[in-house]
Amino acid sequence: MTDETLAEVRRLRTRTRERAHGGAWLPAAVLAALVLLSGLLYRFPFSVADESGPWPYWPGLPSVPRSSALSYAYWLVGLPAAFAVAVVWYRYRARRLGVRVAWPVLVTVGLAAFVLMLALVAIPRELPPDPNAFAGSEPPLWHGFATPLVAVAASLVALGRVERSPGLAVAGLWLGGFSFLANAEGFLGRIPGWLDWILAGGEGPGIGGGIDTGAVPALVFLTLPLLIWLCAKGVRSALR
């Protein structure tokens, strides 16, 4: 093959790949909107509450909810609805453009993570004889998984795998990691001692601390890599 022919083959491959994976923006945007709109579920969306919300943290983060039942309904309906939008979108693209992606992986991973979360919070818990006996103790580590945000994070990682987008996978890991820390610690904005020690360069006692933030700023922080990815995607599309 001549150099011109090889260049044309590469151009066609790149165009085909972009065409096949050019639809990731819609399910990513829907998931981002689902997380950001969940800020309406909190009683103190822009300020720090004096106490964390009751466990399980149905809004997604350990802050006082407006209504636990409303938060439960929001995610129970919202997350499957987001997957339904993704399924309709990918089927539309398959009919219109003749390209297919493995969207069932996204739906399966997301719903499986959501069902696992529901199973975790349904585990019977035996209350201590004295309600004040463990008032100052740390919550179990597995509490970090009992949040709808982990299901969203798993969905983003799966979407990144399906769409061959490392940026989406990183956004999912970012969202899942920090939401896990918040729920495992049981306090919004809490920095655990080990993370404080790492951020200090391995120096100091690593006693941890708190960040003065409300639920909505925390949600923006959790979705920041995803929002950056969406903005970059929009800029690239506008420049073509």
C-alpha atoms as a PDB file:
ATOM      1  CA  MET A   1       0.000   0.000   0.000  1.00  0.00           C
ATOM      2  CA  THR A   2       1.094   3.571  -0.706  1.00  0.00           C
ATOM      3  CA  ASP A   3       1.329   6.166   2.033  1.00  0.00           C
ATOM      4  CA  GLU A   4      -1.776   7.869   0.664  1.00  0.00           C
ATOM      5  CA  THR A   5      -3.744   4.623   0.842  1.00  0.00           C
ATOM      6  CA  LEU A   6      -2.606   3.934   4.413  1.00  0.00           C
ATOM      7  CA  ALA A   7      -3.536   7.460   5.434  1.00  0.00           C
ATOM      8  CA  GLU A   8      -6.988   7.045   3.902  1.00  0.00           C
ATOM      9  CA  VAL A   9      -7.488   3.713   5.713  1.00  0.00           C
ATOM     10  CA  ARG A  10      -6.529   5.315   9.021  1.00  0.00           C
ATOM     11  CA  ARG A  11      -8.883   8.215   8.341  1.00  0.00           C
ATOM     12  CA  LEU A  12     -11.755   5.857   7.608  1.00  0.00           C
ATOM     13  CA  ARG A  13     -11.051   3.836  10.768  1.00  0.00           C
ATOM     14  CA  THR A  14     -10.988   6.985  12.871  1.00  0.00           C
ATOM     15  CA  ARG A  15     -14.213   8.221  11.303  1.00  0.00           C
ATOM     16  CA  THR A  16     -15.917   4.861  11.858  1.00  0.00           C
ATOM     17  CA  ARG A  17     -14.788   4.750  15.490  1.00  0.00           C
ATOM     18  CA  GLU A  18     -15.992   8.298  16.117  1.00  0.00           C
ATOM     19  CA  ARG A  19     -19.292   7.498  14.451  1.00  0.00           C
ATOM     20  CA  ALA A  20     -19.767   4.319  16.479  1.00  0.00           C
ATOM     21  CA  HIS A  21     -18.866   5.925  19.809  1.00  0.00           C
ATOM     22  CA  GLY A  22     -20.236   9.400  19.203  1.00  0.00           C
ATOM     23  CA  GLY A  23     -23.380   8.828  21.225  1.00  0.00           C
ATOM     24  CA  ALA A  24     -21.865   8.462  24.673  1.00  0.00           C
ATOM     25  CA  TRP A  25     -22.660  12.063  25.531  1.00  0.00           C
ATOM     26  CA  LEU A  26     -26.412  11.521  26.020  1.00  0.00           C
ATOM     27  CA  PRO A  27     -26.344   8.700  28.645  1.00  0.00           C
ATOM     28  CA  ALA A  28     -23.420  10.475  30.333  1.00  0.00           C
ATOM     29  CA  ALA A  29     -25.390  13.744  30.450  1.00  0.00           C
ATOM     30  CA  VAL A  30     -28.487  11.971  31.802  1.00  0.00           C
ATOM     31  CA  LEU A  31     -26.481  10.362  34.614  1.00  0.00           C
ATOM     32  CA  ALA A  32     -24.812  13.695  35.433  1.00  0.00           C
ATOM     33  CA  ALA A  33     -28.210  15.422  35.565  1.00  0.00           C
ATOM     34  CA  LEU A  34     -29.583  12.638  37.777  1.00  0.00           C
ATOM     35  CA  VAL A  35     -26.790  13.165  40.309  1.00  0.00           C
ATOM     36  CA  LEU A  36     -26.944  16.971  40.273  1.00  0.00           C
ATOM     37  CA  LEU A  37     -30.736  17.109  40.542  1.00  0.00           C
ATOM     38  CA  SER A  38     -30.535  14.861  43.596  1.00  0.00           C
ATOM     39  CA  GLY A  39     -29.326  17.987  45.405  1.00  0.00           C
ATOM     40  CA  LEU A  40     -33.014  18.946  45.708  1.00  0.00           C
ATOM     41  CA  LEU A  41     -33.474  15.962  48.040  1.00  0.00           C
ATOM     42  CA  TYR A  42     -31.460  17.546  50.878  1.00  0.00           C
ATOM     43  CA  ARG A  43     -32.810  19.812  53.592  1.00  0.00           C
ATOM     44  CA  PHE A  44     -29.576  21.831  53.626  1.00  0.00           C
ATOM     45  CA  PRO A  45     -28.394  21.769  49.988  1.00  0.00           C
ATOM     46  CA  PHE A  46     -25.932  24.696  50.239  1.00  0.00           C
ATOM     47  CA  SER A  47     -24.923  24.687  53.891  1.00  0.00           C
ATOM     48  CA  VAL A  48     -23.442  22.290  56.386  1.00  0.00           C
ATOM     49  CA  ALA A  49     -25.941  20.591  58.668  1.00  0.00           C
ATOM     50  CA  ASP A  50     -25.185  20.113  62.340  1.00  0.00           C
ATOM     51  CA  GLU A  51     -25.760  16.392  61.939  1.00  0.00           C
ATOM     52  CA  SER A  52     -25.646  13.735  59.259  1.00  0.00           C
ATOM     53  CA  GLY A  53     -28.814  12.266  57.839  1.00  0.00           C
ATOM     54  CA  PRO A  54     -30.266   8.966  59.047  1.00  0.00           C
ATOM     55  CA  TRP A  55     -28.694   5.839  57.616  1.00  0.00           C
ATOM     56  CA  PRO A  56     -29.254   4.529  54.955  1.00  0.00           C
ATOM     57  CA  TYR A  57     -28.474   7.725  53.073  1.00  0.00           C
ATOM     58  CA  TRP A  58     -31.154   7.483  50.406  1.00  0.00           C
ATOM     59  CA  PRO A  59     -30.405  10.892  48.854  1.00  0.00           C
ATOM     60  CA  GLY A  60     -26.870   9.624  48.160  1.00  0.00           C
ATOM     61  CA  LEU A  61     -24.766  11.517  50.706  1.00  0.00           C
ATOM     62  CA  PRO A  62     -24.866  11.597  54.537  1.00  0.00           C
ATOM     63  CA  SER A  63     -26.735  14.866  54.867  1.00  0.00           C
ATOM     64  CA  VAL A  64     -30.214  15.467  56.275  1.00  0.00           C
ATOM     65  CA  PRO A  65     -32.857  14.641  53.599  1.00  0.00           C
ATOM     66  CA  ARG A  66     -36.129  16.463  53.067  1.00  0.00           C
ATOM     67  CA  SER A  67     -37.820  13.061  53.016  1.00  0.00           C
ATOM     68  CA  SER A  68     -36.283   9.589  53.060  1.00  0.00           C
ATOM     69  CA  ALA A  69     -39.307   8.210  51.196  1.00  0.00           C
ATOM     70  CA  LEU A  70     -38.982  10.872  48.483  1.00  0.00           C
ATOM     71  CA  SER A  71     -35.259  10.150  48.147  1.00  0.00           C
ATOM     72  CA  TYR A  72     -35.940   6.413  47.886  1.00  0.00           C
ATOM     73  CA  ALA A  73     -38.568   6.996  45.168  1.00  0.00           C
ATOM     74  CA  TYR A  74     -36.264   9.392  43.276  1.00  0.00           C
ATOM     75  CA  TRP A  75     -33.529   6.803  42.792  1.00  0.00           C
ATOM     76  CA  LEU A  76     -35.856   3.826  42.480  1.00  0.00           C
ATOM     77  CA  VAL A  77     -37.559   5.524  39.521  1.00  0.00           C
ATOM     78  CA  GLY A  78     -34.794   7.794  38.253  1.00  0.00           C
ATOM     79  CA  LEU A  79     -32.008   5.280  37.755  1.00  0.00           C
ATOM     80  CA  PRO A  80     -34.068   2.749  35.723  1.00  0.00           C
ATOM     81  CA  ALA A  81     -35.500   5.705  33.754  1.00  0.00           C
ATOM     82  CA  ALA A  82     -31.946   6.826  32.909  1.00  0.00           C
ATOM     83  CA  PHE A  83     -31.159   3.339  31.615  1.00  0.00           C
ATOM     84  CA  ALA A  84     -34.398   3.342  29.595  1.00  0.00           C
ATOM     85  CA  VAL A  85     -33.298   6.598  27.929  1.00  0.00           C
ATOM     86  CA  ALA A  86     -29.932   5.014  27.106  1.00  0.00           C
ATOM     87  CA  VAL A  87     -31.590   1.939  25.577  1.00  0.00           C
ATOM     88  CA  VAL A  88     -33.905   4.058  23.391  1.00  0.00           C
ATOM     89  CA  TRP A  89     -30.983   6.260  22.354  1.00  0.00           C
ATOM     90  CA  TYR A  90     -28.698   3.407  21.341  1.00  0.00           C
ATOM     91  CA  ARG A  91     -31.474   1.641  19.432  1.00  0.00           C
ATOM     92  CA  TYR A  92     -32.216   4.886  17.616  1.00  0.00           C
ATOM     93  CA  ARG A  93     -28.574   5.284  16.665  1.00  0.00           C
ATOM     94  CA  ALA A  94     -28.424   1.665  15.486  1.00  0.00           C
ATOM     95  CA  ARG A  95     -31.390   2.231  13.149  1.00  0.00           C
ATOM     96  CA  ARG A  96     -30.262   5.641  11.916  1.00  0.00           C
ATOM     97  CA  LEU A  97     -26.509   5.167  11.589  1.00  0.00           C
ATOM     98  CA  GLY A  98     -26.178   1.404  11.407  1.00  0.00           C
ATOM     99  CA  VAL A  99     -23.723   1.317  14.345  1.00  0.00           C
ATOM    100  CA  ARG A 100     -24.092  -0.738  17.478  1.00  0.00           C
ATOM    101  CA  VAL A 101     -22.458  -0.662  20.904  1.00  0.00           C
ATOM    102  CA  ALA A 102     -22.760  -3.173  23.726  1.00  0.00           C
ATOM    103  CA  TRP A 103     -25.300  -1.102  25.656  1.00  0.00           C
ATOM    104  CA  PRO A 104     -26.666  -4.168  27.546  1.00  0.00           C
ATOM    105  CA  VAL A 105     -23.384  -4.137  29.518  1.00  0.00           C
ATOM    106  CA  LEU A 106     -24.168  -0.629  30.780  1.00  0.00           C
ATOM    107  CA  VAL A 107     -27.708  -1.534  31.824  1.00  0.00           C
ATOM    108  CA  THR A 108     -26.689  -4.837  33.429  1.00  0.00           C
ATOM    109  CA  VAL A 109     -23.854  -3.345  35.475  1.00  0.00           C
ATOM    110  CA  GLY A 110     -25.898  -0.344  36.597  1.00  0.00           C
ATOM    111  CA  LEU A 111     -28.953  -2.331  37.640  1.00  0.00           C
ATOM    112  CA  ALA A 112     -26.824  -5.019  39.311  1.00  0.00           C
ATOM    113  CA  ALA A 113     -25.037  -2.376  41.407  1.00  0.00           C
ATOM    114  CA  PHE A 114     -28.377  -0.813  42.316  1.00  0.00           C
ATOM    115  CA  VAL A 115     -29.886  -4.153  43.340  1.00  0.00           C
ATOM    116  CA  LEU A 116     -26.772  -4.930  45.395  1.00  0.00           C
ATOM    117  CA  MET A 117     -27.173  -1.617  47.212  1.00  0.00           C
ATOM    118  CA  LEU A 118     -30.810  -2.402  47.976  1.00  0.00           C
ATOM    119  CA  ALA A 119     -29.758  -5.812  49.294  1.00  0.00           C
ATOM    120  CA  LEU A 120     -27.109  -4.243  51.545  1.00  0.00           C
ATOM    121  CA  VAL A 121     -29.501  -1.813  53.195  1.00  0.00           C
ATOM    122  CA  ALA A 122     -32.077  -4.592  53.638  1.00  0.00           C
ATOM    123  CA  ILE A 123     -29.721  -6.628  55.827  1.00  0.00           C
ATOM    124  CA  PRO A 124     -31.287  -6.890  59.316  1.00  0.00           C
ATOM    125  CA  ARG A 125     -29.355  -4.876  61.889  1.00  0.00           C
ATOM    126  CA  GLU A 126     -29.396  -5.717  65.578  1.00  0.00           C
ATOM    127  CA  LEU A 127     -29.669  -2.594  67.714  1.00  0.00           C
ATOM    128  CA  PRO A 128     -27.400  -2.284  70.772  1.00  0.00           C
ATOM    129  CA  PRO A 129     -29.068  -2.574  74.217  1.00  0.00           C
ATOM    130  CA  ASP A 130     -27.975   0.955  75.049  1.00  0.00           C
ATOM    131  CA  PRO A 131     -28.679   3.370  72.163  1.00  0.00           C
ATOM    132  CA  ASN A 132     -25.866   5.636  73.360  1.00  0.00           C
ATOM    133  CA  ALA A 133     -23.305   2.865  73.686  1.00  0.00           C
ATOM    134  CA  PHE A 134     -21.823   3.365  70.222  1.00  0.00           C
ATOM    135  CA  ALA A 135     -22.690   7.009  69.692  1.00  0.00           C
ATOM    136  CA  GLY A 136     -19.097   7.935  68.973  1.00  0.00           C
ATOM    137  CA  SER A 137     -18.059   4.831  67.063  1.00  0.00           C
ATOM    138  CA  GLU A 138     -17.295   4.739  63.361  1.00  0.00           C
ATOM    139  CA  PRO A 139     -19.954   3.251  61.044  1.00  0.00           C
ATOM    140  CA  PRO A 140     -19.171  -0.080  59.347  1.00  0.00           C
ATOM    141  CA  LEU A 141     -17.031   0.253  56.225  1.00  0.00           C
ATOM    142  CA  TRP A 142     -19.651  -1.430  54.045  1.00  0.00           C
ATOM    143  CA  HIS A 143     -21.968   1.512  54.645  1.00  0.00           C
ATOM    144  CA  GLY A 144     -19.905   3.227  51.953  1.00  0.00           C
ATOM    145  CA  PHE A 145     -21.446   0.975  49.305  1.00  0.00           C
ATOM    146  CA  ALA A 146     -25.037   1.606  50.425  1.00  0.00           C
ATOM    147  CA  THR A 147     -25.588   4.707  48.307  1.00  0.00           C
ATOM    148  CA  PRO A 148     -27.237   5.138  44.896  1.00  0.00           C
ATOM    149  CA  LEU A 149     -24.194   7.129  43.806  1.00  0.00           C
ATOM    150  CA  VAL A 150     -22.130   3.939  43.725  1.00  0.00           C
ATOM    151  CA  ALA A 151     -24.616   2.474  41.231  1.00  0.00           C
ATOM    152  CA  VAL A 152     -24.238   5.606  39.082  1.00  0.00           C
ATOM    153  CA  ALA A 153     -20.458   5.321  39.343  1.00  0.00           C
ATOM    154  CA  ALA A 154     -20.524   1.670  38.261  1.00  0.00           C
ATOM    155  CA  SER A 155     -22.731   2.669  35.314  1.00  0.00           C
ATOM    156  CA  LEU A 156     -20.211   5.325  34.245  1.00  0.00           C
ATOM    157  CA  VAL A 157     -17.324   2.871  34.401  1.00  0.00           C
ATOM    158  CA  ALA A 158     -19.347   0.404  32.301  1.00  0.00           C
ATOM    159  CA  LEU A 159     -20.244   3.191  29.857  1.00  0.00           C
ATOM    160  CA  GLY A 160     -16.566   4.079  29.556  1.00  0.00           C
ATOM    161  CA  ARG A 161     -15.781   0.441  28.764  1.00  0.00           C
ATOM    162  CA  VAL A 162     -18.599   0.161  26.223  1.00  0.00           C
ATOM    163  CA  GLU A 163     -17.736   3.461  24.521  1.00  0.00           C
ATOM    164  CA  ARG A 164     -13.963   2.961  24.837  1.00  0.00           C
ATOM    165  CA  SER A 165     -13.669   6.214  26.760  1.00  0.00           C
ATOM    166  CA  PRO A 166     -11.064   6.300  29.560  1.00  0.00           C
ATOM    167  CA  GLY A 167     -12.400   9.725  30.572  1.00  0.00           C
ATOM    168  CA  LEU A 168     -15.822   8.309  31.439  1.00  0.00           C
ATOM    169  CA  ALA A 169     -14.245   5.443  33.370  1.00  0.00           C
ATOM    170  CA  VAL A 170     -12.142   7.912  35.382  1.00  0.00           C
ATOM    171  CA  ALA A 171     -15.243  10.025  36.054  1.00  0.00           C
ATOM    172  CA  GLY A 172     -17.011   6.922  37.370  1.00  0.00           C
ATOM    173  CA  LEU A 173     -14.103   5.977  39.623  1.00  0.00           C
ATOM    174  CA  TRP A 174     -13.924   9.546  40.945  1.00  0.00           C
ATOM    175  CA  LEU A 175     -17.648   9.610  41.728  1.00  0.00           C
ATOM    176  CA  GLY A 176     -17.641   6.145  43.268  1.00  0.00           C
ATOM    177  CA  GLY A 177     -14.493   6.641  45.314  1.00  0.00           C
ATOM    178  CA  PHE A 178     -15.438   9.916  46.960  1.00  0.00           C
ATOM    179  CA  SER A 179     -19.080   8.985  47.528  1.00  0.00           C
ATOM    180  CA  PHE A 180     -17.873   5.752  49.146  1.00  0.00           C
ATOM    181  CA  LEU A 181     -15.600   7.730  51.476  1.00  0.00           C
ATOM    182  CA  ALA A 182     -18.400  10.125  52.441  1.00  0.00           C
ATOM    183  CA  ASN A 183     -20.831   7.317  53.237  1.00  0.00           C
ATOM    184  CA  ALA A 184     -18.273   5.082  54.927  1.00  0.00           C
ATOM    185  CA  GLU A 185     -17.306   7.963  57.210  1.00  0.00           C
ATOM    186  CA  GLY A 186     -20.950   8.898  57.754  1.00  0.00           C
ATOM    187  CA  PHE A 187     -20.192  12.591  57.507  1.00  0.00           C
ATOM    188  CA  LEU A 188     -20.438  14.941  54.517  1.00  0.00           C
ATOM    189  CA  GLY A 189     -17.129  16.635  53.833  1.00  0.00           C
ATOM    190  CA  ARG A 190     -15.175  14.459  56.267  1.00  0.00           C
ATOM    191  CA  ILE A 191     -11.531  13.737  55.457  1.00  0.00           C
ATOM    192  CA  PRO A 192     -10.477  10.420  57.011  1.00  0.00           C
ATOM    193  CA  GLY A 193      -7.227  10.307  58.941  1.00  0.00           C
ATOM    194  CA  TRP A 194      -5.388   8.103  56.418  1.00  0.00           C
ATOM    195  CA  LEU A 195      -6.277  10.451  53.528  1.00  0.00           C
ATOM    196  CA  ASP A 196      -5.210  13.449  55.602  1.00  0.00           C
ATOM    197  CA  TRP A 197      -1.881  11.702  56.202  1.00  0.00           C
ATOM    198  CA  ILE A 198      -1.408  11.063  52.446  1.00  0.00           C
ATOM    199  CA  LEU A 199      -2.311  14.648  51.499  1.00  0.00           C
ATOM    200  CA  ALA A 200       0.202  15.886  54.076  1.00  0.00           C
ATOM    201  CA  GLY A 201       2.962  13.935  52.332  1.00  0.00           C
ATOM    202  CA  GLY A 202       3.148  11.205  54.935  1.00  0.00           C
ATOM    203  CA  GLU A 203       3.779  13.630  57.754  1.00  0.00           C
ATOM    204  CA  GLY A 204       1.808  14.490  60.853  1.00  0.00           C
ATOM    205  CA  PRO A 205      -0.586  12.433  62.948  1.00  0.00           C
ATOM    206  CA  GLY A 206      -3.256  12.120  60.234  1.00  0.00           C
ATOM    207  CA  ILE A 207      -6.190  12.938  62.465  1.00  0.00           C
ATOM    208  CA  GLY A 208      -8.497  13.914  59.592  1.00  0.00           C
ATOM    209  CA  GLY A 209     -10.863  16.820  59.555  1.00  0.00           C
ATOM    210  CA  GLY A 210     -13.837  18.363  57.831  1.00  0.00           C
ATOM    211  CA  ILE A 211     -14.549  20.482  54.760  1.00  0.00           C
ATOM    212  CA  ASP A 212     -17.096  23.272  55.031  1.00  0.00           C
ATOM    213  CA  THR A 213     -19.468  22.228  52.250  1.00  0.00           C
ATOM    214  CA  GLY A 214     -23.122  21.515  51.603  1.00  0.00           C
ATOM    215  CA  ALA A 215     -24.686  18.708  49.614  1.00  0.00           C
ATOM    216  CA  VAL A 216     -24.916  20.558  46.276  1.00  0.00           C
ATOM    217  CA  PRO A 217     -21.247  21.731  46.237  1.00  0.00           C
ATOM    218  CA  ALA A 218     -20.273  18.174  47.160  1.00  0.00           C
ATOM    219  CA  LEU A 219     -22.316  16.790  44.243  1.00  0.00           C
ATOM    220  CA  VAL A 220     -20.680  19.265  41.850  1.00  0.00           C
ATOM    221  CA  PHE A 221     -17.288  18.092  43.116  1.00  0.00           C
ATOM    222  CA  LEU A 222     -18.292  14.447  42.628  1.00  0.00           C
ATOM    223  CA  THR A 223     -19.418  15.051  39.045  1.00  0.00           C
ATOM    224  CA  LEU A 224     -16.596  17.455  38.125  1.00  0.00           C
ATOM    225  CA  PRO A 225     -14.619  15.030  35.901  1.00  0.00           C
ATOM    226  CA  LEU A 226     -17.858  14.015  34.165  1.00  0.00           C
ATOM    227  CA  LEU A 227     -18.828  17.653  33.576  1.00  0.00           C
ATOM    228  CA  ILE A 228     -15.354  18.373  32.190  1.00  0.00           C
ATOM    229  CA  TRP A 229     -15.672  15.368  29.871  1.00  0.00           C
ATOM    230  CA  LEU A 230     -19.069  16.569  28.612  1.00  0.00           C
ATOM    231  CA  CYS A 231     -17.740  20.091  28.005  1.00  0.00           C
ATOM    232  CA  ALA A 232     -14.715  18.744  26.119  1.00  0.00           C
ATOM    233  CA  LYS A 233     -17.012  16.539  24.049  1.00  0.00           C
ATOM    234  CA  GLY A 234     -19.169  19.549  23.164  1.00  0.00           C
ATOM    235  CA  VAL A 235     -16.141  21.670  22.204  1.00  0.00           C
ATOM    236  CA  ARG A 236     -14.758  18.927  19.955  1.00  0.00           C
ATOM    237  CA  SER A 237     -18.126  18.528  18.248  1.00  0.00           C
ATOM    238  CA  ALA A 238     -18.412  22.297  17.692  1.00  0.00           C
ATOM    239  CA  LEU A 239     -14.937  22.501  16.122  1.00  0.00           C
ATOM    240  CA  ARG A 240     -15.602  19.784  13.560  1.00  0.00           C
END
